[in-house]
PDB file of N, CA and C in Angstrom:
ATOM      1  N   UNK A   1       0.799  -1.219   0.016  1.00  0.00           N
ATOM      2  CA  UNK A   1      -0.016  -0.014   0.051  1.00  0.00           C
ATOM      3  C   UNK A   1       0.814   1.136   0.048  1.00  0.00           C
ATOM      4  N   UNK A   2       0.535   2.230  -0.673  1.00  0.00           N
ATOM      5  CA  UNK A   2       1.333   3.485  -0.762  1.00  0.00           C
ATOM      6  C   UNK A   2       0.975   4.341   0.423  1.00  0.00           C
ATOM      7  N   UNK A   3       1.791   5.296   0.662  1.00  0.00           N
ATOM      8  CA  UNK A   3       1.826   6.145   1.873  1.00  0.00           C
ATOM      9  C   UNK A   3       0.356   6.944   1.857  1.00  0.00           C
ATOM     10  N   UNK A   4      -0.259   7.205   0.698  1.00  0.00           N
ATOM     11  CA  UNK A   4      -1.584   7.838   0.701  1.00  0.00           C
ATOM     12  C   UNK A   4      -2.694   6.983   1.058  1.00  0.00           C
ATOM     13  N   UNK A   5      -2.532   5.615   1.378  1.00  0.00           N
ATOM     14  CA  UNK A   5      -3.557   4.767   1.746  1.00  0.00           C
ATOM     15  C   UNK A   5      -4.141   4.041   0.652  1.00  0.00           C
ATOM     16  N   UNK A   6      -3.710   4.296  -0.580  1.00  0.00           N
ATOM     17  CA  UNK A   6      -4.344   3.493  -1.681  1.00  0.00           C
ATOM     18  C   UNK A   6      -3.288   2.697  -2.443  1.00  0.00           C
ATOM     19  N   UNK A   7      -3.854   1.773  -3.291  1.00  0.00           N
ATOM     20  CA  UNK A   7      -2.892   1.040  -4.024  1.00  0.00           C
ATOM     21  C   UNK A   7      -2.346   1.765  -5.258  1.00  0.00           C
ATOM     22  N   UNK A   8      -1.133   1.689  -5.655  1.00  0.00           N
ATOM     23  CA  UNK A   8      -0.588   2.237  -6.734  1.00  0.00           C
ATOM     24  C   UNK A   8      -0.456   1.163  -7.854  1.00  0.00           C
ATOM     25  N   UNK A   9      -1.190   1.228  -8.855  1.00  0.00           N
ATOM     26  CA  UNK A   9      -1.174   0.300  -9.897  1.00  0.00           C
ATOM     27  C   UNK A   9       0.126   0.445 -10.712  1.00  0.00           C
ATOM     28  N   UNK A  10       0.780  -0.640 -11.009  1.00  0.00           N
ATOM     29  CA  UNK A  10       1.881  -0.672 -11.828  1.00  0.00           C
ATOM     30  C   UNK A  10       1.599  -1.420 -13.195  1.00  0.00           C
ATOM     31  N   UNK A  11       2.411  -1.221 -14.191  1.00  0.00           N
ATOM     32  CA  UNK A  11       2.332  -1.938 -15.393  1.00  0.00           C
ATOM     33  C   UNK A  11       3.770  -2.556 -15.733  1.00  0.00           C
ATOM     34  N   UNK A  12       3.631  -3.760 -16.281  1.00  0.00           N
ATOM     35  CA  UNK A  12       4.894  -4.457 -16.757  1.00  0.00           C
ATOM     36  C   UNK A  12       4.753  -4.509 -18.217  1.00  0.00           C
ATOM     37  N   UNK A  13       5.878  -4.147 -18.839  1.00  0.00           N
ATOM     38  CA  UNK A  13       5.973  -4.240 -20.333  1.00  0.00           C
ATOM     39  C   UNK A  13       7.074  -5.100 -20.627  1.00  0.00           C
ATOM     40  N   UNK A  14       6.916  -6.111 -21.621  1.00  0.00           N
ATOM     41  CA  UNK A  14       7.951  -6.998 -22.014  1.00  0.00           C
ATOM     42  C   UNK A  14       8.098  -6.683 -23.579  1.00  0.00           C
ATOM     43  N   UNK A  15       9.369  -6.314 -23.964  1.00  0.00           N
ATOM     44  CA  UNK A  15       9.644  -6.030 -25.346  1.00  0.00           C
ATOM     45  C   UNK A  15      10.698  -6.978 -25.814  1.00  0.00           C
ATOM     46  N   UNK A  16      10.615  -7.454 -26.939  1.00  0.00           N
ATOM     47  CA  UNK A  16      11.705  -8.472 -27.232  1.00  0.00           C
ATOM     48  C   UNK A  16      11.855  -8.404 -28.892  1.00  0.00           C
ATOM     49  N   UNK A  17      13.125  -8.953 -29.199  1.00  0.00           N
ATOM     50  CA  UNK A  17      13.389  -9.099 -30.575  1.00  0.00           C
ATOM     51  C   UNK A  17      14.178 -10.464 -30.540  1.00  0.00           C
ATOM     52  N   UNK A  18      13.437 -11.393 -31.137  1.00  0.00           N
ATOM     53  CA  UNK A  18      13.906 -12.842 -31.199  1.00  0.00           C
ATOM     54  C   UNK A  18      14.176 -13.262 -32.507  1.00  0.00           C
ATOM     55  N   UNK A  19      15.197 -14.027 -32.786  1.00  0.00           N
ATOM     56  CA  UNK A  19      15.308 -14.462 -34.187  1.00  0.00           C
ATOM     57  C   UNK A  19      14.369 -15.474 -34.536  1.00  0.00           C
ATOM     58  N   UNK A  20      14.023 -15.335 -35.896  1.00  0.00           N
ATOM     59  CA  UNK A  20      12.825 -16.103 -36.467  1.00  0.00           C
ATOM     60  C   UNK A  20      13.292 -16.617 -37.959  1.00  0.00           C
ATOM     61  N   UNK A  21      14.544 -16.662 -38.194  1.00  0.00           N
ATOM     62  CA  UNK A  21      14.900 -17.181 -39.564  1.00  0.00           C
ATOM     63  C   UNK A  21      14.790 -18.707 -39.684  1.00  0.00           C
ATOM     64  N   UNK A  22      15.009 -19.415 -38.722  1.00  0.00           N
ATOM     65  CA  UNK A  22      14.945 -20.846 -38.886  1.00  0.00           C
ATOM     66  C   UNK A  22      13.580 -21.387 -38.205  1.00  0.00           C
ATOM     67  N   UNK A  23      13.093 -22.482 -38.657  1.00  0.00           N
ATOM     68  CA  UNK A  23      11.858 -23.094 -38.040  1.00  0.00           C
ATOM     69  C   UNK A  23      11.970 -23.191 -36.490  1.00  0.00           C
ATOM     70  N   UNK A  24      13.067 -23.626 -36.056  1.00  0.00           N
ATOM     71  CA  UNK A  24      13.263 -23.876 -34.618  1.00  0.00           C
ATOM     72  C   UNK A  24      13.143 -22.542 -33.877  1.00  0.00           C
ATOM     73  N   UNK A  25      13.726 -21.476 -34.400  1.00  0.00           N
ATOM     74  CA  UNK A  25      13.791 -20.150 -33.868  1.00  0.00           C
ATOM     75  C   UNK A  25      12.290 -19.611 -33.821  1.00  0.00           C
ATOM     76  N   UNK A  26      11.612 -19.666 -34.909  1.00  0.00           N
ATOM     77  CA  UNK A  26      10.191 -19.289 -34.900  1.00  0.00           C
ATOM     78  C   UNK A  26       9.447 -19.996 -33.911  1.00  0.00           C
ATOM     79  N   UNK A  27       9.563 -21.304 -33.660  1.00  0.00           N
ATOM     80  CA  UNK A  27       8.865 -21.944 -32.749  1.00  0.00           C
ATOM     81  C   UNK A  27       9.211 -21.536 -31.331  1.00  0.00           C
ATOM     82  N   UNK A  28      10.447 -21.263 -31.005  1.00  0.00           N
ATOM     83  CA  UNK A  28      10.869 -20.618 -29.692  1.00  0.00           C
ATOM     84  C   UNK A  28      10.310 -19.272 -29.499  1.00  0.00           C
ATOM     85  N   UNK A  29      10.157 -18.443 -30.510  1.00  0.00           N
ATOM     86  CA  UNK A  29       9.586 -17.074 -30.439  1.00  0.00           C
ATOM     87  C   UNK A  29       8.122 -17.240 -30.095  1.00  0.00           C
ATOM     88  N   UNK A  30       7.400 -18.122 -30.900  1.00  0.00           N
ATOM     89  CA  UNK A  30       5.966 -18.331 -30.642  1.00  0.00           C
ATOM     90  C   UNK A  30       5.723 -18.883 -29.194  1.00  0.00           C
ATOM     91  N   UNK A  31       6.509 -19.755 -28.824  1.00  0.00           N
ATOM     92  CA  UNK A  31       6.417 -20.292 -27.471  1.00  0.00           C
ATOM     93  C   UNK A  31       6.570 -19.301 -26.400  1.00  0.00           C
ATOM     94  N   UNK A  32       7.591 -18.358 -26.668  1.00  0.00           N
ATOM     95  CA  UNK A  32       7.740 -17.281 -25.671  1.00  0.00           C
ATOM     96  C   UNK A  32       6.545 -16.360 -25.607  1.00  0.00           C
ATOM     97  N   UNK A  33       5.961 -16.024 -26.783  1.00  0.00           N
ATOM     98  CA  UNK A  33       4.830 -15.157 -26.782  1.00  0.00           C
ATOM     99  C   UNK A  33       3.618 -15.845 -26.162  1.00  0.00           C
ATOM    100  N   UNK A  34       3.512 -17.151 -26.538  1.00  0.00           N
ATOM    101  CA  UNK A  34       2.281 -17.802 -25.762  1.00  0.00           C
ATOM    102  C   UNK A  34       2.465 -17.913 -24.250  1.00  0.00           C
ATOM    103  N   UNK A  35       3.719 -18.082 -23.815  1.00  0.00           N
ATOM    104  CA  UNK A  35       3.970 -18.111 -22.329  1.00  0.00           C
ATOM    105  C   UNK A  35       3.526 -16.835 -21.744  1.00  0.00           C
ATOM    106  N   UNK A  36       3.892 -15.638 -22.405  1.00  0.00           N
ATOM    107  CA  UNK A  36       3.484 -14.327 -21.910  1.00  0.00           C
ATOM    108  C   UNK A  36       2.055 -14.105 -21.808  1.00  0.00           C
ATOM    109  N   UNK A  37       1.177 -14.796 -22.864  1.00  0.00           N
ATOM    110  CA  UNK A  37      -0.157 -14.728 -22.803  1.00  0.00           C
ATOM    111  C   UNK A  37      -0.678 -15.551 -21.655  1.00  0.00           C
ATOM    112  N   UNK A  38      -0.130 -16.683 -21.333  1.00  0.00           N
ATOM    113  CA  UNK A  38      -0.382 -17.576 -20.290  1.00  0.00           C
ATOM    114  C   UNK A  38      -0.223 -16.904 -18.856  1.00  0.00           C
ATOM    115  N   UNK A  39       0.688 -15.915 -18.934  1.00  0.00           N
ATOM    116  CA  UNK A  39       0.941 -15.261 -17.623  1.00  0.00           C
ATOM    117  C   UNK A  39       0.042 -13.918 -17.467  1.00  0.00           C
ATOM    118  N   UNK A  40      -0.861 -13.769 -18.374  1.00  0.00           N
ATOM    119  CA  UNK A  40      -1.813 -12.713 -18.300  1.00  0.00           C
ATOM    120  C   UNK A  40      -1.450 -11.489 -18.965  1.00  0.00           C
ATOM    121  N   UNK A  41      -0.350 -11.469 -19.824  1.00  0.00           N
ATOM    122  CA  UNK A  41       0.051 -10.304 -20.613  1.00  0.00           C
ATOM    123  C   UNK A  41      -0.847 -10.274 -21.807  1.00  0.00           C
ATOM    124  N   UNK A  42      -1.038  -9.045 -22.362  1.00  0.00           N
ATOM    125  CA  UNK A  42      -1.868  -8.798 -23.644  1.00  0.00           C
ATOM    126  C   UNK A  42      -0.843  -8.172 -24.617  1.00  0.00           C
ATOM    127  N   UNK A  43      -1.005  -8.454 -25.832  1.00  0.00           N
ATOM    128  CA  UNK A  43      -0.156  -7.956 -26.830  1.00  0.00           C
ATOM    129  C   UNK A  43      -0.624  -6.534 -27.196  1.00  0.00           C
ATOM    130  N   UNK A  44       0.482  -5.644 -27.129  1.00  0.00           N
ATOM    131  CA  UNK A  44       0.256  -4.202 -27.450  1.00  0.00           C
ATOM    132  C   UNK A  44       0.645  -4.019 -28.933  1.00  0.00           C
ATOM    133  N   UNK A  45       1.796  -4.604 -29.248  1.00  0.00           N
ATOM    134  CA  UNK A  45       2.362  -4.726 -30.559  1.00  0.00           C
ATOM    135  C   UNK A  45       2.873  -6.145 -30.754  1.00  0.00           C
ATOM    136  N   UNK A  46       3.339  -6.564 -31.920  1.00  0.00           N
ATOM    137  CA  UNK A  46       3.699  -8.017 -32.085  1.00  0.00           C
ATOM    138  C   UNK A  46       4.721  -8.402 -31.056  1.00  0.00           C
ATOM    139  N   UNK A  47       5.794  -7.502 -30.813  1.00  0.00           N
ATOM    140  CA  UNK A  47       6.779  -7.908 -29.915  1.00  0.00           C
ATOM    141  C   UNK A  47       6.777  -7.176 -28.544  1.00  0.00           C
ATOM    142  N   UNK A  48       5.570  -6.561 -28.208  1.00  0.00           N
ATOM    143  CA  UNK A  48       5.414  -5.747 -26.965  1.00  0.00           C
ATOM    144  C   UNK A  48       4.238  -6.305 -26.240  1.00  0.00           C
ATOM    145  N   UNK A  49       4.378  -6.682 -25.004  1.00  0.00           N
ATOM    146  CA  UNK A  49       3.226  -7.250 -24.256  1.00  0.00           C
ATOM    147  C   UNK A  49       3.188  -6.459 -22.936  1.00  0.00           C
ATOM    148  N   UNK A  50       1.876  -6.270 -22.463  1.00  0.00           N
ATOM    149  CA  UNK A  50       1.717  -5.530 -21.245  1.00  0.00           C
ATOM    150  C   UNK A  50       0.768  -6.281 -20.222  1.00  0.00           C
ATOM    151  N   UNK A  51       0.931  -5.918 -18.998  1.00  0.00           N
ATOM    152  CA  UNK A  51      -0.042  -6.473 -17.957  1.00  0.00           C
ATOM    153  C   UNK A  51      -0.010  -5.513 -16.788  1.00  0.00           C
ATOM    154  N   UNK A  52      -1.046  -5.521 -16.052  1.00  0.00           N
ATOM    155  CA  UNK A  52      -1.036  -4.795 -14.712  1.00  0.00           C
ATOM    156  C   UNK A  52      -0.466  -5.708 -13.715  1.00  0.00           C
ATOM    157  N   UNK A  53       0.170  -5.027 -12.715  1.00  0.00           N
ATOM    158  CA  UNK A  53       0.708  -5.713 -11.616  1.00  0.00           C
ATOM    159  C   UNK A  53       0.444  -4.830 -10.356  1.00  0.00           C
ATOM    160  N   UNK A  54       0.327  -5.431  -9.217  1.00  0.00           N
ATOM    161  CA  UNK A  54      -0.143  -4.700  -7.997  1.00  0.00           C
ATOM    162  C   UNK A  54       1.017  -3.989  -7.303  1.00  0.00           C
ATOM    163  N   UNK A  55       2.206  -4.499  -7.411  1.00  0.00           N
ATOM    164  CA  UNK A  55       3.349  -3.826  -6.613  1.00  0.00           C
ATOM    165  C   UNK A  55       4.695  -4.369  -7.086  1.00  0.00           C
ATOM    166  N   UNK A  56       5.762  -3.825  -6.597  1.00  0.00           N
ATOM    167  CA  UNK A  56       7.063  -4.247  -6.978  1.00  0.00           C
ATOM    168  C   UNK A  56       7.440  -5.591  -6.733  1.00  0.00           C
ATOM    169  N   UNK A  57       6.807  -6.194  -5.593  1.00  0.00           N
ATOM    170  CA  UNK A  57       7.061  -7.570  -5.261  1.00  0.00           C
ATOM    171  C   UNK A  57       6.607  -8.464  -6.327  1.00  0.00           C
ATOM    172  N   UNK A  58       5.402  -8.181  -6.796  1.00  0.00           N
ATOM    173  CA  UNK A  58       4.665  -9.012  -7.824  1.00  0.00           C
ATOM    174  C   UNK A  58       5.557  -8.858  -9.171  1.00  0.00           C
ATOM    175  N   UNK A  59       6.137  -7.659  -9.349  1.00  0.00           N
ATOM    176  CA  UNK A  59       6.979  -7.451 -10.532  1.00  0.00           C
ATOM    177  C   UNK A  59       8.035  -8.367 -10.503  1.00  0.00           C
ATOM    178  N   UNK A  60       8.841  -8.516  -9.308  1.00  0.00           N
ATOM    179  CA  UNK A  60       9.979  -9.417  -9.212  1.00  0.00           C
ATOM    180  C   UNK A  60       9.666 -10.803  -9.426  1.00  0.00           C
ATOM    181  N   UNK A  61       8.389 -11.208  -9.079  1.00  0.00           N
ATOM    182  CA  UNK A  61       7.930 -12.564  -9.308  1.00  0.00           C
ATOM    183  C   UNK A  61       7.741 -12.822 -10.722  1.00  0.00           C
ATOM    184  N   UNK A  62       7.145 -11.902 -11.505  1.00  0.00           N
ATOM    185  CA  UNK A  62       6.929 -12.078 -12.915  1.00  0.00           C
ATOM    186  C   UNK A  62       8.277 -12.033 -13.675  1.00  0.00           C
ATOM    187  N   UNK A  63       9.188 -11.118 -13.201  1.00  0.00           N
ATOM    188  CA  UNK A  63      10.503 -11.129 -13.930  1.00  0.00           C
ATOM    189  C   UNK A  63      11.243 -12.462 -13.799  1.00  0.00           C
ATOM    190  N   UNK A  64      11.179 -13.095 -12.533  1.00  0.00           N
ATOM    191  CA  UNK A  64      11.779 -14.428 -12.384  1.00  0.00           C
ATOM    192  C   UNK A  64      11.090 -15.443 -13.414  1.00  0.00           C
ATOM    193  N   UNK A  65       9.783 -15.419 -13.318  1.00  0.00           N
ATOM    194  CA  UNK A  65       9.040 -16.297 -14.221  1.00  0.00           C
ATOM    195  C   UNK A  65       9.431 -16.213 -15.690  1.00  0.00           C
ATOM    196  N   UNK A  66       9.505 -14.916 -16.209  1.00  0.00           N
ATOM    197  CA  UNK A  66       9.767 -14.648 -17.587  1.00  0.00           C
ATOM    198  C   UNK A  66      11.233 -15.057 -17.896  1.00  0.00           C
ATOM    199  N   UNK A  67      12.210 -14.720 -16.836  1.00  0.00           N
ATOM    200  CA  UNK A  67      13.483 -15.142 -17.100  1.00  0.00           C
ATOM    201  C   UNK A  67      13.722 -16.664 -17.220  1.00  0.00           C
ATOM    202  N   UNK A  68      12.794 -17.376 -16.600  1.00  0.00           N
ATOM    203  CA  UNK A  68      12.997 -18.927 -16.844  1.00  0.00           C
ATOM    204  C   UNK A  68      12.600 -19.446 -18.221  1.00  0.00           C
ATOM    205  N   UNK A  69      11.857 -18.627 -18.882  1.00  0.00           N
ATOM    206  CA  UNK A  69      11.487 -19.161 -20.291  1.00  0.00           C
ATOM    207  C   UNK A  69      11.995 -18.315 -21.458  1.00  0.00           C
ATOM    208  N   UNK A  70      12.947 -17.376 -21.143  1.00  0.00           N
ATOM    209  CA  UNK A  70      13.511 -16.550 -22.285  1.00  0.00           C
ATOM    210  C   UNK A  70      14.318 -17.477 -23.108  1.00  0.00           C
ATOM    211  N   UNK A  71      14.112 -17.368 -24.402  1.00  0.00           N
ATOM    212  CA  UNK A  71      14.929 -18.265 -25.341  1.00  0.00           C
ATOM    213  C   UNK A  71      16.415 -17.916 -25.242  1.00  0.00           C
ATOM    214  N   UNK A  72      17.293 -18.803 -25.598  1.00  0.00           N
ATOM    215  CA  UNK A  72      18.705 -18.638 -25.552  1.00  0.00           C
ATOM    216  C   UNK A  72      19.240 -17.485 -26.532  1.00  0.00           C
ATOM    217  N   UNK A  73      18.511 -17.217 -27.652  1.00  0.00           N
ATOM    218  CA  UNK A  73      18.919 -16.150 -28.580  1.00  0.00           C
ATOM    219  C   UNK A  73      18.002 -14.979 -28.482  1.00  0.00           C
ATOM    220  N   UNK A  74      18.411 -13.834 -28.728  1.00  0.00           N
ATOM    221  CA  UNK A  74      17.597 -12.665 -28.873  1.00  0.00           C
ATOM    222  C   UNK A  74      17.766 -11.737 -27.670  1.00  0.00           C
ATOM    223  N   UNK A  75      16.906 -10.719 -27.695  1.00  0.00           N
ATOM    224  CA  UNK A  75      16.949  -9.624 -26.717  1.00  0.00           C
ATOM    225  C   UNK A  75      15.507  -9.535 -26.012  1.00  0.00           C
ATOM    226  N   UNK A  76      15.585  -9.352 -24.700  1.00  0.00           N
ATOM    227  CA  UNK A  76      14.282  -9.196 -23.988  1.00  0.00           C
ATOM    228  C   UNK A  76      14.403  -8.042 -23.087  1.00  0.00           C
ATOM    229  N   UNK A  77      13.583  -7.043 -23.162  1.00  0.00           N
ATOM    230  CA  UNK A  77      13.576  -6.029 -22.103  1.00  0.00           C
ATOM    231  C   UNK A  77      12.296  -5.984 -21.310  1.00  0.00           C
ATOM    232  N   UNK A  78      12.470  -5.760 -20.016  1.00  0.00           N
ATOM    233  CA  UNK A  78      11.244  -5.756 -19.201  1.00  0.00           C
ATOM    234  C   UNK A  78      11.199  -4.410 -18.398  1.00  0.00           C
ATOM    235  N   UNK A  79      10.184  -3.732 -18.600  1.00  0.00           N
ATOM    236  CA  UNK A  79      10.070  -2.390 -17.938  1.00  0.00           C
ATOM    237  C   UNK A  79       8.912  -2.441 -16.922  1.00  0.00           C
ATOM    238  N   UNK A  80       9.043  -1.735 -15.902  1.00  0.00           N
ATOM    239  CA  UNK A  80       8.019  -1.677 -14.880  1.00  0.00           C
ATOM    240  C   UNK A  80       7.775  -0.127 -14.637  1.00  0.00           C
ATOM    241  N   UNK A  81       6.556   0.222 -14.729  1.00  0.00           N
ATOM    242  CA  UNK A  81       6.225   1.698 -14.643  1.00  0.00           C
ATOM    243  C   UNK A  81       4.842   1.924 -13.999  1.00  0.00           C
ATOM    244  N   UNK A  82       4.569   3.081 -13.391  1.00  0.00           N
ATOM    245  CA  UNK A  82       3.301   3.379 -12.755  1.00  0.00           C
ATOM    246  C   UNK A  82       2.230   3.609 -13.715  1.00  0.00           C
ATOM    247  N   UNK A  83       1.009   3.468 -13.150  1.00  0.00           N
ATOM    248  CA  UNK A  83      -0.147   3.889 -13.962  1.00  0.00           C
ATOM    249  C   UNK A  83      -0.157   5.290 -14.422  1.00  0.00           C
ATOM    250  N   UNK A  84       0.338   6.253 -13.659  1.00  0.00           N
ATOM    251  CA  UNK A  84       0.418   7.629 -14.100  1.00  0.00           C
ATOM    252  C   UNK A  84       1.443   7.818 -15.245  1.00  0.00           C
ATOM    253  N   UNK A  85       2.537   7.020 -15.231  1.00  0.00           N
ATOM    254  CA  UNK A  85       3.424   7.069 -16.380  1.00  0.00           C
ATOM    255  C   UNK A  85       2.792   6.422 -17.558  1.00  0.00           C
ATOM    256  N   UNK A  86       1.964   5.294 -17.430  1.00  0.00           N
ATOM    257  CA  UNK A  86       1.375   4.704 -18.528  1.00  0.00           C
ATOM    258  C   UNK A  86       0.362   5.705 -19.294  1.00  0.00           C
ATOM    259  N   UNK A  87      -0.260   6.433 -18.353  1.00  0.00           N
ATOM    260  CA  UNK A  87      -1.249   7.327 -18.992  1.00  0.00           C
ATOM    261  C   UNK A  87      -0.591   8.499 -19.844  1.00  0.00           C
ATOM    262  N   UNK A  88       0.656   8.704 -19.676  1.00  0.00           N
ATOM    263  CA  UNK A  88       1.521   9.656 -20.530  1.00  0.00           C
ATOM    264  C   UNK A  88       1.884   9.068 -21.796  1.00  0.00           C
ATOM    265  N   UNK A  89       1.785   7.911 -22.191  1.00  0.00           N
ATOM    266  CA  UNK A  89       2.162   7.311 -23.356  1.00  0.00           C
ATOM    267  C   UNK A  89       1.340   7.841 -24.515  1.00  0.00           C
ATOM    268  N   UNK A  90       1.877   8.279 -25.567  1.00  0.00           N
ATOM    269  CA  UNK A  90       1.224   8.876 -26.687  1.00  0.00           C
ATOM    270  C   UNK A  90       1.187   7.738 -27.765  1.00  0.00           C
ATOM    271  N   UNK A  91      -0.041   7.411 -28.051  1.00  0.00           N
ATOM    272  CA  UNK A  91      -0.229   6.349 -29.154  1.00  0.00           C
ATOM    273  C   UNK A  91      -0.905   6.840 -30.376  1.00  0.00           C
ATOM    274  N   UNK A  92      -0.376   6.461 -31.479  1.00  0.00           N
ATOM    275  CA  UNK A  92      -1.053   6.885 -32.747  1.00  0.00           C
ATOM    276  C   UNK A  92      -1.400   5.585 -33.626  1.00  0.00           C
ATOM    277  N   UNK A  93      -2.558   5.662 -34.125  1.00  0.00           N
ATOM    278  CA  UNK A  93      -2.999   4.660 -34.984  1.00  0.00           C
ATOM    279  C   UNK A  93      -3.126   5.379 -36.421  1.00  0.00           C
ATOM    280  N   UNK A  94      -1.957   5.161 -37.235  1.00  0.00           N
ATOM    281  CA  UNK A  94      -1.826   5.938 -38.464  1.00  0.00           C
ATOM    282  C   UNK A  94      -1.514   7.365 -37.917  1.00  0.00           C
ATOM    283  N   UNK A  95      -2.136   8.297 -38.316  1.00  0.00           N
ATOM    284  CA  UNK A  95      -2.001   9.732 -37.810  1.00  0.00           C
ATOM    285  C   UNK A  95      -2.946  10.159 -36.756  1.00  0.00           C
ATOM    286  N   UNK A  96      -3.804   9.302 -36.412  1.00  0.00           N
ATOM    287  CA  UNK A  96      -4.799   9.540 -35.403  1.00  0.00           C
ATOM    288  C   UNK A  96      -4.313   9.201 -33.990  1.00  0.00           C
ATOM    289  N   UNK A  97      -4.348  10.118 -33.153  1.00  0.00           N
ATOM    290  CA  UNK A  97      -3.893   9.920 -31.722  1.00  0.00           C
ATOM    291  C   UNK A  97      -4.892   9.234 -30.935  1.00  0.00           C
ATOM    292  N   UNK A  98      -4.548   8.175 -30.230  1.00  0.00           N
ATOM    293  CA  UNK A  98      -5.429   7.367 -29.330  1.00  0.00           C
ATOM    294  C   UNK A  98      -5.160   7.699 -27.937  1.00  0.00           C
ATOM    295  N   UNK A  99      -6.200   7.795 -27.145  1.00  0.00           N
ATOM    296  CA  UNK A  99      -5.945   8.036 -25.670  1.00  0.00           C
ATOM    297  C   UNK A  99      -5.624   6.718 -24.907  1.00  0.00           C
ATOM    298  N   UNK A 100      -4.650   6.826 -24.123  1.00  0.00           N
ATOM    299  CA  UNK A 100      -4.323   5.642 -23.256  1.00  0.00           C
ATOM    300  C   UNK A 100      -5.397   5.489 -22.208  1.00  0.00           C
ATOM    301  N   UNK A 101      -5.799   4.339 -21.942  1.00  0.00           N
ATOM    302  CA  UNK A 101      -6.817   4.191 -20.947  1.00  0.00           C
ATOM    303  C   UNK A 101      -6.536   3.056 -19.957  1.00  0.00           C
ATOM    304  N   UNK A 102      -6.737   3.397 -18.586  1.00  0.00           N
ATOM    305  CA  UNK A 102      -6.481   2.347 -17.682  1.00  0.00           C
ATOM    306  C   UNK A 102      -7.681   1.498 -17.542  1.00  0.00           C
ATOM    307  N   UNK A 103      -7.608   0.369 -16.933  1.00  0.00           N
ATOM    308  CA  UNK A 103      -8.847  -0.406 -16.623  1.00  0.00           C
ATOM    309  C   UNK A 103      -9.763   0.403 -15.790  1.00  0.00           C
ATOM    310  N   UNK A 104     -11.102   0.218 -16.015  1.00  0.00           N
ATOM    311  CA  UNK A 104     -12.028   0.878 -15.258  1.00  0.00           C
ATOM    312  C   UNK A 104     -11.898   0.625 -13.706  1.00  0.00           C
ATOM    313  N   UNK A 105     -11.736  -0.686 -13.398  1.00  0.00           N
ATOM    314  CA  UNK A 105     -11.559  -1.118 -12.035  1.00  0.00           C
ATOM    315  C   UNK A 105     -10.735  -2.380 -11.983  1.00  0.00           C
ATOM    316  N   UNK A 106      -9.855  -2.463 -11.146  1.00  0.00           N
ATOM    317  CA  UNK A 106      -9.108  -3.580 -10.975  1.00  0.00           C
ATOM    318  C   UNK A 106      -9.106  -4.118  -9.529  1.00  0.00           C
ATOM    319  N   UNK A 107      -9.469  -5.376  -9.318  1.00  0.00           N
ATOM    320  CA  UNK A 107      -9.568  -5.947  -8.105  1.00  0.00           C
ATOM    321  C   UNK A 107      -8.337  -6.513  -7.704  1.00  0.00           C
ATOM    322  N   UNK A 108      -7.695  -6.105  -6.526  1.00  0.00           N
ATOM    323  CA  UNK A 108      -6.514  -6.619  -6.029  1.00  0.00           C
ATOM    324  C   UNK A 108      -6.694  -7.517  -4.921  1.00  0.00           C
ATOM    325  N   UNK A 109      -6.028  -8.629  -4.965  1.00  0.00           N
ATOM    326  CA  UNK A 109      -6.248  -9.559  -3.819  1.00  0.00           C
ATOM    327  C   UNK A 109      -5.039  -9.612  -2.976  1.00  0.00           C
TER     328      UNK A 109
END
């Protein structure tokens, strides 16, 4: 709980660039994406996945999980940022600017 008495929602973003030239590499990249989906991430872009997390402790848990299934080749970046920072992301679909929106309500256990 934050000092203001409320929960501070965090976001975790996983970005990756995995080799896909060989059939085995494509399979490993697909398996990695599927594991992220299994862990509750949603695809933001083809190699960018997001999910809400409740605190830094949960972030560390997910980082360890993801680390356990990262393919041997490629690059994976994991970022953790606040809901307020997430709201500052500027997104464009073509030349049309889209508003970032947080979930209406998130139940934390």
